[in-house]
Amino acid sequence: MMIKKLKIVYSLLLVGVVSLIPGCNSEKIQPEPDPVIEIETRPSANPADDNKATGVYKGTFVGSTGTFKLIVQLDMIVGYLTVDGMNYVLRTTDISSSDLTGAITNALFTDHFNYAKLWFSVEADGSNPSATLELVGHTNVQVVVLKEYSASQVRVYEGYRYKALHNDGVIEKGIFNVTLDADSILGAAYKTVEFIPLNNGNSGQVAEEAWINVGRWYYYNPENENEIVMDAFGHNLLHGSVYTITDAEIHASFPYTFQENNYADSVRLKRKL
């Protein structure tokens, strides 16, 4: 029986206050009109970049919700960011093609409007990628990022998790975004956004809005049904959970009974990148 440990990379960052340009109206910041990032059917990483800092990196975040893709190659250095459905192009002056023989440390990518600032780091062999992100008007942005390999596509999903908190008498709803690849490596970012009454007679003090440190996650491998796996609630997927994992969606639910009341914790995710 094989257990696959997951590599989780995340960071917390308090967003600083960004001053408006003098003389400009405080209009809503508009993104660049393109590109539209399409969902890929195969890896876009090159084999030559598999063991280098160069390559393709994909990630997601909460503290709003969104995805990003960084292309760091000899012929192209650019980032594509989606925040709440709006697209931004990210550029950097911190690295050039001549810098791509070693590690990358805190390279700043930003859009034309300075709405988003993304700092990216990775070891010279492509290991341990990390990113921090600032967005105007958002706080506590939590980021996860994975390197894509030529034989292992990274997929990014966004959605929600619903979990019953019996003692508080509420369902906790949170943004739940994940990155995962074909080797069952998963990174997840989660943030509570709402508490919904259970309406089952329970009452109690509602917990404060919280981040969840997802330090232990196991991704279901459909090719190995005997593998010990865990879902988004810490339940064993092979004992009681109902789940669907496809290229387009991830749905999982865990029906159970607690003090004669029936519950079903659930995760509902759609692929975004």
Protein backbone atom coordinates (compact mmCIF):
# COMPACT_ATOMS: atom_id res chain seq x y z
CA MET A 1 0.00 0.00 0.00
CA MET A 2 1.54 3.27 -1.05
CA ILE A 3 1.07 6.70 0.47
CA LYS A 4 2.10 9.68 -1.59
CA LYS A 5 3.10 12.73 0.35
CA LEU A 6 2.18 16.01 -1.17
CA LYS A 7 4.34 19.02 -1.62
CA ILE A 8 2.45 22.06 -0.39
CA VAL A 9 3.84 25.46 -1.11
CA TYR A 10 2.00 28.45 0.27
CA SER A 11 2.58 31.90 1.65
CA LEU A 12 0.64 34.59 3.49
CA LEU A 13 1.11 38.25 2.66
CA LEU A 14 -0.55 41.41 3.97
CA VAL A 15 -1.31 43.73 1.11
CA GLY A 16 0.10 47.26 1.37
CA VAL A 17 -1.81 50.37 0.47
CA VAL A 18 -1.21 51.53 -3.08
CA SER A 19 -1.61 55.27 -3.72
CA LEU A 20 -3.66 56.53 -6.63
CA ILE A 21 -1.86 58.50 -9.35
CA PRO A 22 -2.39 62.24 -8.76
CA GLY A 23 -4.94 63.82 -11.05
CA CYS A 24 -6.62 60.52 -11.95
CA ASN A 25 -10.17 59.61 -11.05
CA SER A 26 -10.64 56.65 -8.71
CA GLU A 27 -12.18 54.53 -11.44
CA LYS A 28 -12.19 50.76 -11.29
CA ILE A 29 -8.93 49.30 -12.58
CA GLN A 30 -9.46 47.67 -15.96
CA PRO A 31 -7.45 44.63 -17.05
CA GLU A 32 -5.66 44.28 -20.35
CA PRO A 33 -8.11 42.83 -22.89
CA ASP A 34 -6.08 39.72 -23.69
CA PRO A 35 -4.90 37.03 -23.66
CA VAL A 36 -7.71 34.66 -22.79
CA ILE A 37 -6.04 31.72 -21.07
CA GLU A 38 -7.49 28.50 -22.42
CA ILE A 39 -7.57 25.15 -20.66
CA GLU A 40 -4.88 22.95 -22.17
CA THR A 41 -5.25 19.31 -23.07
CA ARG A 42 -1.54 18.47 -22.72
CA PRO A 43 1.54 19.87 -20.96
CA SER A 44 2.99 23.03 -22.50
CA ALA A 45 6.35 22.60 -20.75
CA ASN A 46 9.39 21.67 -22.83
CA PRO A 47 11.49 18.59 -21.96
CA ALA A 48 14.64 20.75 -21.99
CA ASP A 49 13.26 22.73 -19.03
CA ASP A 50 12.31 19.77 -16.82
CA ASN A 51 15.38 20.08 -14.57
CA LYS A 52 15.96 23.82 -14.82
CA ALA A 53 14.50 27.00 -13.38
CA THR A 54 13.14 27.73 -16.82
CA GLY A 55 9.76 26.32 -17.73
CA VAL A 56 6.04 26.65 -17.04
CA TYR A 57 4.58 27.25 -13.58
CA LYS A 58 0.89 27.23 -12.66
CA GLY A 59 -0.76 28.32 -9.46
CA THR A 60 -3.88 29.47 -7.69
CA PHE A 61 -4.73 31.64 -4.70
CA VAL A 62 -7.38 32.73 -2.24
CA GLY A 63 -7.86 36.10 -0.57
CA SER A 64 -9.97 36.78 -3.59
CA THR A 65 -9.86 33.86 -6.02
CA GLY A 66 -7.91 33.23 -9.19
CA THR A 67 -5.20 31.46 -11.14
CA PHE A 68 -1.91 32.30 -12.81
CA LYS A 69 0.54 30.85 -15.29
CA LEU A 70 4.18 31.89 -15.59
CA ILE A 71 6.21 31.10 -18.69
CA VAL A 72 9.93 31.50 -18.05
CA GLN A 73 11.74 30.43 -21.20
CA LEU A 74 14.64 31.67 -23.32
CA ASP A 75 12.25 33.04 -25.95
CA MET A 76 9.45 34.21 -23.63
CA ILE A 77 9.20 35.55 -20.07
CA VAL A 78 5.60 36.47 -19.21
CA GLY A 79 2.84 35.82 -16.71
CA TYR A 80 -0.92 35.50 -17.15
CA LEU A 81 -3.13 36.21 -14.13
CA THR A 82 -6.87 35.83 -13.66
CA VAL A 83 -8.52 37.48 -10.64
CA ASP A 84 -12.27 37.09 -10.12
CA GLY A 85 -12.65 36.32 -13.81
CA MET A 86 -10.58 39.30 -15.06
CA ASN A 87 -7.35 38.73 -17.03
CA TYR A 88 -4.01 40.51 -16.61
CA VAL A 89 -0.67 40.21 -18.38
CA LEU A 90 2.35 40.23 -16.07
CA ARG A 91 5.81 41.42 -17.11
CA THR A 92 9.14 41.50 -15.31
CA THR A 93 12.40 43.44 -15.65
CA ASP A 94 14.08 41.41 -12.91
CA ILE A 95 15.08 38.52 -15.16
CA SER A 96 16.15 38.14 -18.77
CA SER A 97 17.20 35.23 -20.94
CA SER A 98 20.80 35.63 -19.76
CA ASP A 99 19.72 35.08 -16.12
CA LEU A 100 18.11 31.69 -16.72
CA THR A 101 21.10 29.47 -15.99
CA GLY A 102 20.60 29.46 -12.21
CA ALA A 103 18.02 30.03 -9.48
CA ILE A 104 15.41 32.78 -9.65
CA THR A 105 14.92 34.77 -6.45
CA ASN A 106 12.02 37.16 -5.84
CA ALA A 107 11.55 38.18 -9.45
CA LEU A 108 8.74 40.73 -9.55
CA PHE A 109 6.02 40.32 -12.18
CA THR A 110 3.44 43.09 -12.45
CA ASP A 111 0.75 44.29 -14.83
CA HIS A 112 0.55 47.59 -16.70
CA PHE A 113 -1.63 49.14 -13.99
CA ASN A 114 0.38 47.88 -10.99
CA TYR A 115 -2.81 46.21 -9.77
CA ALA A 116 -1.05 42.91 -9.19
CA LYS A 117 2.48 42.27 -7.93
CA LEU A 118 3.70 38.68 -7.98
CA TRP A 119 7.13 37.72 -6.62
CA PHE A 120 8.43 34.39 -7.93
CA SER A 121 11.33 32.19 -6.78
CA VAL A 122 12.59 28.74 -7.78
CA GLU A 123 15.77 26.69 -7.38
CA ALA A 124 18.17 26.27 -10.30
CA ASP A 125 16.90 22.72 -10.92
CA GLY A 126 13.23 23.80 -10.95
CA SER A 127 12.47 22.54 -7.45
CA ASN A 128 10.70 24.40 -4.63
CA PRO A 129 8.84 27.03 -6.65
CA SER A 130 7.15 29.67 -4.51
CA ALA A 131 5.21 32.87 -5.07
CA THR A 132 3.72 35.71 -3.09
CA LEU A 133 1.03 37.97 -4.45
CA GLU A 134 -0.28 41.45 -3.72
CA LEU A 135 -3.57 42.64 -5.20
CA VAL A 136 -4.95 46.14 -4.77
CA GLY A 137 -7.94 45.98 -2.42
CA HIS A 138 -7.27 42.41 -1.20
CA THR A 139 -5.59 41.16 1.97
CA ASN A 140 -4.03 37.90 3.15
CA VAL A 141 -3.52 36.43 -0.30
CA GLN A 142 -2.48 32.76 0.02
CA VAL A 143 -0.69 31.21 -2.96
CA VAL A 144 0.15 27.69 -4.13
CA VAL A 145 2.24 26.99 -7.23
CA LEU A 146 3.58 23.90 -9.03
CA LYS A 147 6.09 23.44 -11.82
CA GLU A 148 4.73 21.75 -14.91
CA TYR A 149 6.87 19.03 -16.48
CA SER A 150 6.81 17.88 -20.09
CA ALA A 151 5.26 14.54 -19.08
CA SER A 152 3.11 15.77 -16.18
CA GLN A 153 0.53 18.47 -16.80
CA VAL A 154 -0.52 20.74 -13.92
CA ARG A 155 -4.26 21.35 -13.66
CA VAL A 156 -5.82 24.15 -11.64
CA TYR A 157 -9.32 24.04 -10.15
CA GLU A 158 -11.39 26.65 -8.30
CA GLY A 159 -14.49 26.14 -6.21
CA TYR A 160 -15.95 25.76 -2.73
CA ARG A 161 -15.87 23.43 0.23
CA TYR A 162 -18.84 22.99 2.56
CA LYS A 163 -18.30 21.44 5.97
CA ALA A 164 -20.69 21.09 8.92
CA LEU A 165 -19.54 22.52 12.27
CA HIS A 166 -21.91 20.72 14.61
CA ASN A 167 -21.05 22.55 17.82
CA ASP A 168 -21.57 25.93 16.15
CA GLY A 169 -24.75 24.90 14.34
CA VAL A 170 -23.44 26.13 10.98
CA ILE A 171 -22.04 24.99 7.67
CA GLU A 172 -18.68 26.54 6.91
CA LYS A 173 -18.38 27.61 3.26
CA GLY A 174 -14.92 28.39 1.96
CA ILE A 175 -13.13 29.11 -1.30
CA PHE A 176 -11.15 25.97 -2.05
CA ASN A 177 -8.67 26.14 -4.96
CA VAL A 178 -6.22 23.41 -5.89
CA THR A 179 -3.34 22.66 -8.23
CA LEU A 180 -2.54 19.05 -9.04
CA ASP A 181 -0.48 17.08 -11.51
CA ALA A 182 -0.39 13.58 -12.92
CA ASP A 183 1.99 12.43 -10.18
CA SER A 184 -0.70 13.07 -7.54
CA ILE A 185 1.05 16.12 -6.10
CA LEU A 186 -1.54 18.56 -4.84
CA GLY A 187 -1.37 22.08 -3.44
CA ALA A 188 -4.46 23.68 -1.94
CA ALA A 189 -5.44 27.15 -0.77
CA TYR A 190 -8.53 27.60 1.39
CA LYS A 191 -10.30 30.54 3.04
CA THR A 192 -13.58 30.66 4.94
CA VAL A 193 -16.05 33.11 3.41
CA GLU A 194 -19.45 32.36 4.97
CA PHE A 195 -21.27 30.48 7.73
CA ILE A 196 -24.70 29.05 6.86
CA PRO A 197 -27.17 27.93 9.60
CA LEU A 198 -27.63 24.17 9.82
CA ASN A 199 -31.27 24.56 10.88
CA ASN A 200 -31.18 21.29 12.80
CA GLY A 201 -31.74 22.65 16.31
CA ASN A 202 -28.07 23.16 17.14
CA SER A 203 -26.84 26.50 18.39
CA GLY A 204 -23.51 27.90 19.48
CA GLN A 205 -20.83 30.53 18.97
CA VAL A 206 -19.86 30.87 15.31
CA ALA A 207 -16.12 30.55 14.77
CA GLU A 208 -14.19 33.51 13.37
CA GLU A 209 -13.28 33.60 9.70
CA ALA A 210 -10.21 31.45 9.34
CA TRP A 211 -7.45 30.32 7.04
CA ILE A 212 -6.83 26.58 7.00
CA ASN A 213 -3.27 25.32 6.74
CA VAL A 214 -3.56 22.38 4.38
CA GLY A 215 -0.47 20.54 5.51
CA ARG A 216 -1.60 16.96 4.82
CA TRP A 217 -3.33 16.06 1.62
CA TYR A 218 -3.58 12.91 -0.43
CA TYR A 219 -4.82 12.95 -3.98
CA TYR A 220 -6.88 10.03 -5.24
CA ASN A 221 -5.12 7.98 -7.89
CA PRO A 222 -7.79 6.19 -9.97
CA GLU A 223 -5.18 3.80 -11.37
CA ASN A 224 -4.44 2.37 -7.93
CA GLU A 225 -7.64 1.60 -6.03
CA ASN A 226 -5.71 0.09 -3.11
CA GLU A 227 -3.84 3.28 -2.36
CA ILE A 228 -4.66 5.01 0.93
CA VAL A 229 -6.12 8.36 -0.04
CA MET A 230 -7.77 11.25 1.77
CA ASP A 231 -10.26 13.83 0.60
CA ALA A 232 -10.76 17.48 1.46
CA PHE A 233 -12.26 16.62 4.86
CA GLY A 234 -9.63 14.19 6.13
CA HIS A 235 -11.87 11.21 5.34
CA ASN A 236 -10.66 8.12 3.54
CA LEU A 237 -12.08 8.28 0.02
CA LEU A 238 -12.39 4.52 -0.10
CA HIS A 239 -14.69 4.37 2.92
CA GLY A 240 -17.89 6.34 2.51
CA SER A 241 -17.05 9.26 0.23
CA VAL A 242 -18.71 9.82 -3.12
CA TYR A 243 -16.36 11.49 -5.59
CA THR A 244 -15.90 12.42 -9.23
CA ILE A 245 -12.52 13.54 -10.57
CA THR A 246 -12.25 14.53 -14.22
CA ASP A 247 -10.26 16.99 -16.30
CA ALA A 248 -13.20 19.40 -16.10
CA GLU A 249 -14.51 19.03 -12.53
CA ILE A 250 -13.90 17.63 -9.08
CA HIS A 251 -16.92 16.77 -6.94
CA ALA A 252 -16.66 15.01 -3.59
CA SER A 253 -19.15 14.45 -0.80
CA PHE A 254 -19.05 12.61 2.51
CA PRO A 255 -22.51 11.68 3.80
CA TYR A 256 -22.75 10.73 7.48
CA THR A 257 -24.98 10.86 10.57
CA PHE A 258 -24.17 12.80 13.73
CA GLN A 259 -26.51 12.78 16.76
CA GLU A 260 -29.39 11.51 14.61
CA ASN A 261 -28.93 14.31 12.04
CA ASN A 262 -27.85 13.60 8.47
CA TYR A 263 -25.02 15.62 6.91
CA ALA A 264 -22.99 15.63 3.68
CA ASP A 265 -19.77 17.63 3.61
CA SER A 266 -18.83 18.45 0.03
CA VAL A 267 -16.31 19.94 -2.36
CA ARG A 268 -17.30 21.32 -5.77
CA LEU A 269 -14.53 22.48 -8.10
CA LYS A 270 -14.26 23.49 -11.77
CA ARG A 271 -11.11 23.44 -13.82
CA LYS A 272 -9.82 26.90 -14.70
CA LEU A 273 -6.33 26.29 -16.08
